[in-house]
Amino acid sequence: MRLRSRSTARGVSTALSYVLTLTISVVLVSGLMVAAGGFVSDEHARVTETELDVIGNRLAAGIESVDCVASDGGKTSVNATV
């Protein structure tokens, strides 16, 4: 039976501990990045939808204003830019 020296076993334990800690940290950070990416994507879609809703409401208000002016029976001209 051959005995190992304590210093060699301790060195392997330290290196193994370092590698395991580094691996676990990388996995956790990767998970956080994936979760944050999904959150940002959902938030971007919601902001885009809200902005399109605001633009649609402004356009509808402009059309309503033109309709009110045109209902007076006069000759009118309106320019709109989107």
PDB file of N, CA and C in Angstrom:
ATOM      1  N   MET A   1       0.838  -1.171   0.000  1.00  0.00           N
ATOM      2  CA  MET A   1       0.000   0.000   0.000  1.00  0.00           C
ATOM      3  C   MET A   1       0.895   1.250   0.000  1.00  0.00           C
ATOM      4  N   ARG A   2       0.543   2.137  -0.878  1.00  0.00           N
ATOM      5  CA  ARG A   2       1.358   3.335  -1.036  1.00  0.00           C
ATOM      6  C   ARG A   2       0.618   4.525  -0.431  1.00  0.00           C
ATOM      7  N   LEU A   3       1.259   5.306   0.330  1.00  0.00           N
ATOM      8  CA  LEU A   3       0.643   6.468   0.978  1.00  0.00           C
ATOM      9  C   LEU A   3       0.913   7.721   0.155  1.00  0.00           C
ATOM     10  N   ARG A   4      -0.075   8.539   0.062  1.00  0.00           N
ATOM     11  CA  ARG A   4       0.097   9.830  -0.610  1.00  0.00           C
ATOM     12  C   ARG A   4       0.576  10.858   0.396  1.00  0.00           C
ATOM     13  N   SER A   5       1.282  11.766  -0.104  1.00  0.00           N
ATOM     14  CA  SER A   5       1.694  12.843   0.786  1.00  0.00           C
ATOM     15  C   SER A   5       0.529  13.818   0.930  1.00  0.00           C
ATOM     16  N   ARG A   6       0.383  14.364   2.082  1.00  0.00           N
ATOM     17  CA  ARG A   6      -0.743  15.280   2.346  1.00  0.00           C
ATOM     18  C   ARG A   6      -0.665  16.537   1.482  1.00  0.00           C
ATOM     19  N   SER A   7       0.489  17.034   1.217  1.00  0.00           N
ATOM     20  CA  SER A   7       0.632  18.267   0.445  1.00  0.00           C
ATOM     21  C   SER A   7       0.136  18.090  -0.993  1.00  0.00           C
ATOM     22  N   THR A   8       0.325  16.934  -1.592  1.00  0.00           N
ATOM     23  CA  THR A   8      -0.144  16.687  -2.955  1.00  0.00           C
ATOM     24  C   THR A   8      -1.662  16.622  -3.001  1.00  0.00           C
ATOM     25  N   ALA A   9      -2.281  15.927  -2.066  1.00  0.00           N
ATOM     26  CA  ALA A   9      -3.738  15.819  -2.023  1.00  0.00           C
ATOM     27  C   ALA A   9      -4.365  17.177  -1.766  1.00  0.00           C
ATOM     28  N   ARG A  10      -3.739  17.962  -0.942  1.00  0.00           N
ATOM     29  CA  ARG A  10      -4.260  19.289  -0.635  1.00  0.00           C
ATOM     30  C   ARG A  10      -4.190  20.192  -1.871  1.00  0.00           C
ATOM     31  N   GLY A  11      -3.136  20.076  -2.646  1.00  0.00           N
ATOM     32  CA  GLY A  11      -3.003  20.876  -3.862  1.00  0.00           C
ATOM     33  C   GLY A  11      -4.067  20.531  -4.891  1.00  0.00           C
ATOM     34  N   VAL A  12      -4.393  19.258  -5.035  1.00  0.00           N
ATOM     35  CA  VAL A  12      -5.434  18.830  -5.960  1.00  0.00           C
ATOM     36  C   VAL A  12      -6.781  19.343  -5.483  1.00  0.00           C
ATOM     37  N   SER A  13      -7.014  19.298  -4.194  1.00  0.00           N
ATOM     38  CA  SER A  13      -8.275  19.767  -3.639  1.00  0.00           C
ATOM     39  C   SER A  13      -8.469  21.260  -3.895  1.00  0.00           C
ATOM     40  N   THR A  14      -7.424  22.040  -3.764  1.00  0.00           N
ATOM     41  CA  THR A  14      -7.514  23.480  -4.004  1.00  0.00           C
ATOM     42  C   THR A  14      -7.801  23.768  -5.477  1.00  0.00           C
ATOM     43  N   ALA A  15      -7.110  23.082  -6.361  1.00  0.00           N
ATOM     44  CA  ALA A  15      -7.336  23.293  -7.796  1.00  0.00           C
ATOM     45  C   ALA A  15      -8.738  22.861  -8.195  1.00  0.00           C
ATOM     46  N   LEU A  16      -9.189  21.731  -7.675  1.00  0.00           N
ATOM     47  CA  LEU A  16     -10.530  21.246  -7.978  1.00  0.00           C
ATOM     48  C   LEU A  16     -11.589  22.209  -7.453  1.00  0.00           C
ATOM     49  N   SER A  17     -11.371  22.730  -6.261  1.00  0.00           N
ATOM     50  CA  SER A  17     -12.303  23.698  -5.680  1.00  0.00           C
ATOM     51  C   SER A  17     -12.373  24.960  -6.541  1.00  0.00           C
ATOM     52  N   TYR A  18     -11.225  25.422  -7.019  1.00  0.00           N
ATOM     53  CA  TYR A  18     -11.175  26.605  -7.868  1.00  0.00           C
ATOM     54  C   TYR A  18     -11.942  26.377  -9.170  1.00  0.00           C
ATOM     55  N   VAL A  19     -11.732  25.244  -9.807  1.00  0.00           N
ATOM     56  CA  VAL A  19     -12.404  24.930 -11.071  1.00  0.00           C
ATOM     57  C   VAL A  19     -13.909  24.804 -10.862  1.00  0.00           C
ATOM     58  N   LEU A  20     -14.327  24.133  -9.804  1.00  0.00           N
ATOM     59  CA  LEU A  20     -15.764  23.988  -9.531  1.00  0.00           C
ATOM     60  C   LEU A  20     -16.415  25.338  -9.251  1.00  0.00           C
ATOM     61  N   THR A  21     -15.753  26.180  -8.471  1.00  0.00           N
ATOM     62  CA  THR A  21     -16.293  27.512  -8.175  1.00  0.00           C
ATOM     63  C   THR A  21     -16.414  28.338  -9.446  1.00  0.00           C
ATOM     64  N   LEU A  22     -15.402  28.290 -10.278  1.00  0.00           N
ATOM     65  CA  LEU A  22     -15.429  29.034 -11.534  1.00  0.00           C
ATOM     66  C   LEU A  22     -16.535  28.528 -12.453  1.00  0.00           C
ATOM     67  N   THR A  23     -16.708  27.222 -12.543  1.00  0.00           N
ATOM     68  CA  THR A  23     -17.747  26.633 -13.393  1.00  0.00           C
ATOM     69  C   THR A  23     -19.139  27.016 -12.916  1.00  0.00           C
ATOM     70  N   ILE A  24     -19.372  26.924 -11.624  1.00  0.00           N
ATOM     71  CA  ILE A  24     -20.684  27.290 -11.069  1.00  0.00           C
ATOM     72  C   ILE A  24     -20.965  28.765 -11.307  1.00  0.00           C
ATOM     73  N   SER A  25     -19.953  29.616 -11.140  1.00  0.00           N
ATOM     74  CA  SER A  25     -20.136  31.053 -11.372  1.00  0.00           C
ATOM     75  C   SER A  25     -20.493  31.342 -12.825  1.00  0.00           C
ATOM     76  N   VAL A  26     -19.817  30.677 -13.751  1.00  0.00           N
ATOM     77  CA  VAL A  26     -20.096  30.887 -15.178  1.00  0.00           C
ATOM     78  C   VAL A  26     -21.517  30.449 -15.514  1.00  0.00           C
ATOM     79  N   VAL A  27     -21.953  29.323 -14.966  1.00  0.00           N
ATOM     80  CA  VAL A  27     -23.312  28.835 -15.231  1.00  0.00           C
ATOM     81  C   VAL A  27     -24.346  29.811 -14.675  1.00  0.00           C
ATOM     82  N   LEU A  28     -24.129  30.316 -13.471  1.00  0.00           N
ATOM     83  CA  LEU A  28     -25.084  31.262 -12.877  1.00  0.00           C
ATOM     84  C   LEU A  28     -25.139  32.575 -13.652  1.00  0.00           C
ATOM     85  N   VAL A  29     -23.991  33.100 -14.041  1.00  0.00           N
ATOM     86  CA  VAL A  29     -23.967  34.355 -14.804  1.00  0.00           C
ATOM     87  C   VAL A  29     -24.623  34.159 -16.166  1.00  0.00           C
ATOM     88  N   SER A  30     -24.395  33.019 -16.799  1.00  0.00           N
ATOM     89  CA  SER A  30     -25.039  32.737 -18.090  1.00  0.00           C
ATOM     90  C   SER A  30     -26.552  32.687 -17.945  1.00  0.00           C
ATOM     91  N   GLY A  31     -27.031  32.063 -16.887  1.00  0.00           N
ATOM     92  CA  GLY A  31     -28.474  32.018 -16.637  1.00  0.00           C
ATOM     93  C   GLY A  31     -29.061  33.400 -16.441  1.00  0.00           C
ATOM     94  N   LEU A  32     -28.350  34.248 -15.710  1.00  0.00           N
ATOM     95  CA  LEU A  32     -28.822  35.619 -15.510  1.00  0.00           C
ATOM     96  C   LEU A  32     -28.856  36.396 -16.821  1.00  0.00           C
ATOM     97  N   MET A  33     -27.861  36.190 -17.667  1.00  0.00           N
ATOM     98  CA  MET A  33     -27.830  36.890 -18.950  1.00  0.00           C
ATOM     99  C   MET A  33     -28.990  36.457 -19.847  1.00  0.00           C
ATOM    100  N   VAL A  34     -29.288  35.183 -19.859  1.00  0.00           N
ATOM    101  CA  VAL A  34     -30.407  34.678 -20.668  1.00  0.00           C
ATOM    102  C   VAL A  34     -31.721  35.242 -20.149  1.00  0.00           C
ATOM    103  N   ALA A  35     -31.893  35.251 -18.828  1.00  0.00           N
ATOM    104  CA  ALA A  35     -33.128  35.782 -18.243  1.00  0.00           C
ATOM    105  C   ALA A  35     -33.265  37.275 -18.515  1.00  0.00           C
ATOM    106  N   ALA A  36     -32.177  38.017 -18.384  1.00  0.00           N
ATOM    107  CA  ALA A  36     -32.217  39.455 -18.636  1.00  0.00           C
ATOM    108  C   ALA A  36     -32.505  39.737 -20.105  1.00  0.00           C
ATOM    109  N   GLY A  37     -31.966  38.932 -21.003  1.00  0.00           N
ATOM    110  CA  GLY A  37     -32.224  39.112 -22.435  1.00  0.00           C
ATOM    111  C   GLY A  37     -33.693  38.932 -22.765  1.00  0.00           C
ATOM    112  N   GLY A  38     -34.332  37.939 -22.165  1.00  0.00           N
ATOM    113  CA  GLY A  38     -35.767  37.731 -22.375  1.00  0.00           C
ATOM    114  C   GLY A  38     -36.587  38.878 -21.832  1.00  0.00           C
ATOM    115  N   PHE A  39     -36.193  39.403 -20.677  1.00  0.00           N
ATOM    116  CA  PHE A  39     -36.915  40.526 -20.082  1.00  0.00           C
ATOM    117  C   PHE A  39     -36.807  41.767 -20.955  1.00  0.00           C
ATOM    118  N   VAL A  40     -35.613  42.048 -21.445  1.00  0.00           N
ATOM    119  CA  VAL A  40     -35.403  43.225 -22.296  1.00  0.00           C
ATOM    120  C   VAL A  40     -36.192  43.093 -23.592  1.00  0.00           C
ATOM    121  N   SER A  41     -36.236  41.912 -24.156  1.00  0.00           N
ATOM    122  CA  SER A  41     -36.985  41.686 -25.392  1.00  0.00           C
ATOM    123  C   SER A  41     -38.479  41.924 -25.181  1.00  0.00           C
ATOM    124  N   ASP A  42     -39.020  41.405 -24.076  1.00  0.00           N
ATOM    125  CA  ASP A  42     -40.436  41.614 -23.765  1.00  0.00           C
ATOM    126  C   ASP A  42     -40.731  43.094 -23.534  1.00  0.00           C
ATOM    127  N   GLU A  43     -39.832  43.769 -22.833  1.00  0.00           N
ATOM    128  CA  GLU A  43     -40.017  45.195 -22.545  1.00  0.00           C
ATOM    129  C   GLU A  43     -39.976  46.006 -23.840  1.00  0.00           C
ATOM    130  N   HIS A  44     -39.082  45.657 -24.750  1.00  0.00           N
ATOM    131  CA  HIS A  44     -38.974  46.354 -26.032  1.00  0.00           C
ATOM    132  C   HIS A  44     -40.261  46.201 -26.832  1.00  0.00           C
ATOM    133  N   ALA A  45     -40.829  45.017 -26.855  1.00  0.00           N
ATOM    134  CA  ALA A  45     -42.076  44.778 -27.585  1.00  0.00           C
ATOM    135  C   ALA A  45     -43.216  45.582 -26.974  1.00  0.00           C
ATOM    136  N   ARG A  46     -43.259  45.658 -25.646  1.00  0.00           N
ATOM    137  CA  ARG A  46     -44.334  46.400 -24.987  1.00  0.00           C
ATOM    138  C   ARG A  46     -44.216  47.902 -25.260  1.00  0.00           C
ATOM    139  N   VAL A  47     -42.993  48.430 -25.231  1.00  0.00           N
ATOM    140  CA  VAL A  47     -42.791  49.857 -25.506  1.00  0.00           C
ATOM    141  C   VAL A  47     -43.166  50.176 -26.946  1.00  0.00           C
ATOM    142  N   THR A  48     -42.802  49.309 -27.876  1.00  0.00           N
ATOM    143  CA  THR A  48     -43.147  49.521 -29.283  1.00  0.00           C
ATOM    144  C   THR A  48     -44.655  49.547 -29.472  1.00  0.00           C
ATOM    145  N   GLU A  49     -45.353  48.625 -28.825  1.00  0.00           N
ATOM    146  CA  GLU A  49     -46.813  48.581 -28.932  1.00  0.00           C
ATOM    147  C   GLU A  49     -47.448  49.847 -28.355  1.00  0.00           C
ATOM    148  N   THR A  50     -46.931  50.321 -27.240  1.00  0.00           N
ATOM    149  CA  THR A  50     -47.461  51.538 -26.617  1.00  0.00           C
ATOM    150  C   THR A  50     -47.243  52.748 -27.520  1.00  0.00           C
ATOM    151  N   GLU A  51     -46.054  52.855 -28.107  1.00  0.00           N
ATOM    152  CA  GLU A  51     -45.767  53.981 -28.997  1.00  0.00           C
ATOM    153  C   GLU A  51     -46.663  53.958 -30.236  1.00  0.00           C
ATOM    154  N   LEU A  52     -46.890  52.784 -30.799  1.00  0.00           N
ATOM    155  CA  LEU A  52     -47.789  52.690 -31.951  1.00  0.00           C
ATOM    156  C   LEU A  52     -49.215  53.065 -31.566  1.00  0.00           C
ATOM    157  N   ASP A  53     -49.615  52.731 -30.361  1.00  0.00           N
ATOM    158  CA  ASP A  53     -50.942  53.108 -29.875  1.00  0.00           C
ATOM    159  C   ASP A  53     -51.062  54.627 -29.765  1.00  0.00           C
ATOM    160  N   VAL A  54     -50.021  55.277 -29.257  1.00  0.00           N
ATOM    161  CA  VAL A  54     -50.024  56.741 -29.136  1.00  0.00           C
ATOM    162  C   VAL A  54     -50.089  57.391 -30.516  1.00  0.00           C
ATOM    163  N   ILE A  55     -49.303  56.882 -31.457  1.00  0.00           N
ATOM    164  CA  ILE A  55     -49.320  57.437 -32.820  1.00  0.00           C
ATOM    165  C   ILE A  55     -50.693  57.250 -33.454  1.00  0.00           C
ATOM    166  N   GLY A  56     -51.304  56.097 -33.249  1.00  0.00           N
ATOM    167  CA  GLY A  56     -52.651  55.850 -33.779  1.00  0.00           C
ATOM    168  C   GLY A  56     -53.678  56.796 -33.190  1.00  0.00           C
ATOM    169  N   ASN A  57     -53.573  57.068 -31.893  1.00  0.00           N
ATOM    170  CA  ASN A  57     -54.506  58.003 -31.256  1.00  0.00           C
ATOM    171  C   ASN A  57     -54.331  59.418 -31.793  1.00  0.00           C
ATOM    172  N   ARG A  58     -53.085  59.829 -32.007  1.00  0.00           N
ATOM    173  CA  ARG A  58     -52.845  61.171 -32.565  1.00  0.00           C
ATOM    174  C   ARG A  58     -53.383  61.278 -33.990  1.00  0.00           C
ATOM    175  N   LEU A  59     -53.188  60.228 -34.768  1.00  0.00           N
ATOM    176  CA  LEU A  59     -53.696  60.221 -36.138  1.00  0.00           C
ATOM    177  C   LEU A  59     -55.218  60.276 -36.151  1.00  0.00           C
ATOM    178  N   ALA A  60     -55.848  59.523 -35.255  1.00  0.00           N
ATOM    179  CA  ALA A  60     -57.312  59.543 -35.173  1.00  0.00           C
ATOM    180  C   ALA A  60     -57.815  60.923 -34.757  1.00  0.00           C
ATOM    181  N   ALA A  61     -57.107  61.572 -33.834  1.00  0.00           N
ATOM    182  CA  ALA A  61     -57.509  62.917 -33.410  1.00  0.00           C
ATOM    183  C   ALA A  61     -57.373  63.902 -34.568  1.00  0.00           C
ATOM    184  N   GLY A  62     -56.314  63.768 -35.358  1.00  0.00           N
ATOM    185  CA  GLY A  62     -56.142  64.644 -36.517  1.00  0.00           C
ATOM    186  C   GLY A  62     -57.224  64.429 -37.556  1.00  0.00           C
ATOM    187  N   ILE A  63     -57.578  63.174 -37.808  1.00  0.00           N
ATOM    188  CA  ILE A  63     -58.654  62.878 -38.763  1.00  0.00           C
ATOM    189  C   ILE A  63     -59.978  63.429 -38.261  1.00  0.00           C
ATOM    190  N   GLU A  64     -60.210  63.327 -36.967  1.00  0.00           N
ATOM    191  CA  GLU A  64     -61.452  63.861 -36.396  1.00  0.00           C
ATOM    192  C   GLU A  64     -61.507  65.380 -36.542  1.00  0.00           C
ATOM    193  N   SER A  65     -60.363  66.046 -36.334  1.00  0.00           N
ATOM    194  CA  SER A  65     -60.320  67.503 -36.501  1.00  0.00           C
ATOM    195  C   SER A  65     -60.599  67.895 -37.945  1.00  0.00           C
ATOM    196  N   VAL A  66     -60.014  67.171 -38.889  1.00  0.00           N
ATOM    197  CA  VAL A  66     -60.252  67.455 -40.307  1.00  0.00           C
ATOM    198  C   VAL A  66     -61.714  67.217 -40.650  1.00  0.00           C
ATOM    199  N   ASP A  67     -62.307  66.188 -40.092  1.00  0.00           N
ATOM    200  CA  ASP A  67     -63.713  65.890 -40.337  1.00  0.00           C
ATOM    201  C   ASP A  67     -64.602  67.016 -39.829  1.00  0.00           C
ATOM    202  N   CYS A  68     -64.262  67.559 -38.665  1.00  0.00           N
ATOM    203  CA  CYS A  68     -65.056  68.677 -38.123  1.00  0.00           C
ATOM    204  C   CYS A  68     -64.943  69.909 -39.015  1.00  0.00           C
ATOM    205  N   VAL A  69     -63.730  70.188 -39.502  1.00  0.00           N
ATOM    206  CA  VAL A  69     -63.534  71.348 -40.375  1.00  0.00           C
ATOM    207  C   VAL A  69     -64.262  71.130 -41.697  1.00  0.00           C
ATOM    208  N   ALA A  70     -64.203  69.931 -42.242  1.00  0.00           N
ATOM    209  CA  ALA A  70     -64.824  69.640 -43.530  1.00  0.00           C
ATOM    210  C   ALA A  70     -66.339  69.625 -43.441  1.00  0.00           C
ATOM    211  N   SER A  71     -66.878  69.335 -42.274  1.00  0.00           N
ATOM    212  CA  SER A  71     -68.338  69.273 -42.143  1.00  0.00           C
ATOM    213  C   SER A  71     -68.981  70.654 -42.206  1.00  0.00           C
ATOM    214  N   ASP A  72     -68.184  71.721 -42.096  1.00  0.00           N
ATOM    215  CA  ASP A  72     -68.732  73.076 -42.194  1.00  0.00           C
ATOM    216  C   ASP A  72     -69.140  73.411 -43.624  1.00  0.00           C
ATOM    217  N   GLY A  73     -68.685  72.640 -44.578  1.00  0.00           N
ATOM    218  CA  GLY A  73     -69.105  72.844 -45.961  1.00  0.00           C
ATOM    219  C   GLY A  73     -68.176  73.725 -46.751  1.00  0.00           C
ATOM    220  N   GLY A  74     -67.168  74.283 -46.130  1.00  0.00           N
ATOM    221  CA  GLY A  74     -66.229  75.138 -46.851  1.00  0.00           C
ATOM    222  C   GLY A  74     -65.179  74.323 -47.574  1.00  0.00           C
ATOM    223  N   LYS A  75     -64.425  75.031 -48.392  1.00  0.00           N
ATOM    224  CA  LYS A  75     -63.354  74.373 -49.116  1.00  0.00           C
ATOM    225  C   LYS A  75     -62.124  74.364 -48.210  1.00  0.00           C
ATOM    226  N   THR A  76     -61.619  73.180 -47.898  1.00  0.00           N
ATOM    227  CA  THR A  76     -60.481  73.068 -46.980  1.00  0.00           C
ATOM    228  C   THR A  76     -59.391  72.196 -47.580  1.00  0.00           C
ATOM    229  N   SER A  77     -58.197  72.440 -47.117  1.00  0.00           N
ATOM    230  CA  SER A  77     -57.045  71.649 -47.525  1.00  0.00           C
ATOM    231  C   SER A  77     -56.223  71.345 -46.276  1.00  0.00           C
ATOM    232  N   VAL A  78     -55.854  70.079 -46.118  1.00  0.00           N
ATOM    233  CA  VAL A  78     -55.101  69.674 -44.930  1.00  0.00           C
ATOM    234  C   VAL A  78     -53.909  68.832 -45.368  1.00  0.00           C
ATOM    235  N   ASN A  79     -52.755  69.110 -44.785  1.00  0.00           N
ATOM    236  CA  ASN A  79     -51.552  68.308 -45.016  1.00  0.00           C
ATOM    237  C   ASN A  79     -51.206  67.586 -43.718  1.00  0.00           C
ATOM    238  N   ALA A  80     -50.961  66.295 -43.810  1.00  0.00           N
ATOM    239  CA  ALA A  80     -50.591  65.513 -42.625  1.00  0.00           C
ATOM    240  C   ALA A  80     -49.310  64.752 -42.910  1.00  0.00           C
ATOM    241  N   THR A  81     -48.448  64.681 -41.910  1.00  0.00           N
ATOM    242  CA  THR A  81     -47.196  63.941 -42.022  1.00  0.00           C
ATOM    243  C   THR A  81     -47.130  62.931 -40.892  1.00  0.00           C
ATOM    244  N   VAL A  82     -46.778  61.707 -41.250  1.00  0.00           N
ATOM    245  CA  VAL A  82     -46.670  60.658 -40.225  1.00  0.00           C
ATOM    246  C   VAL A  82     -45.229  60.256 -40.101  1.00  0.00           C
TER     247      VAL A  82
END
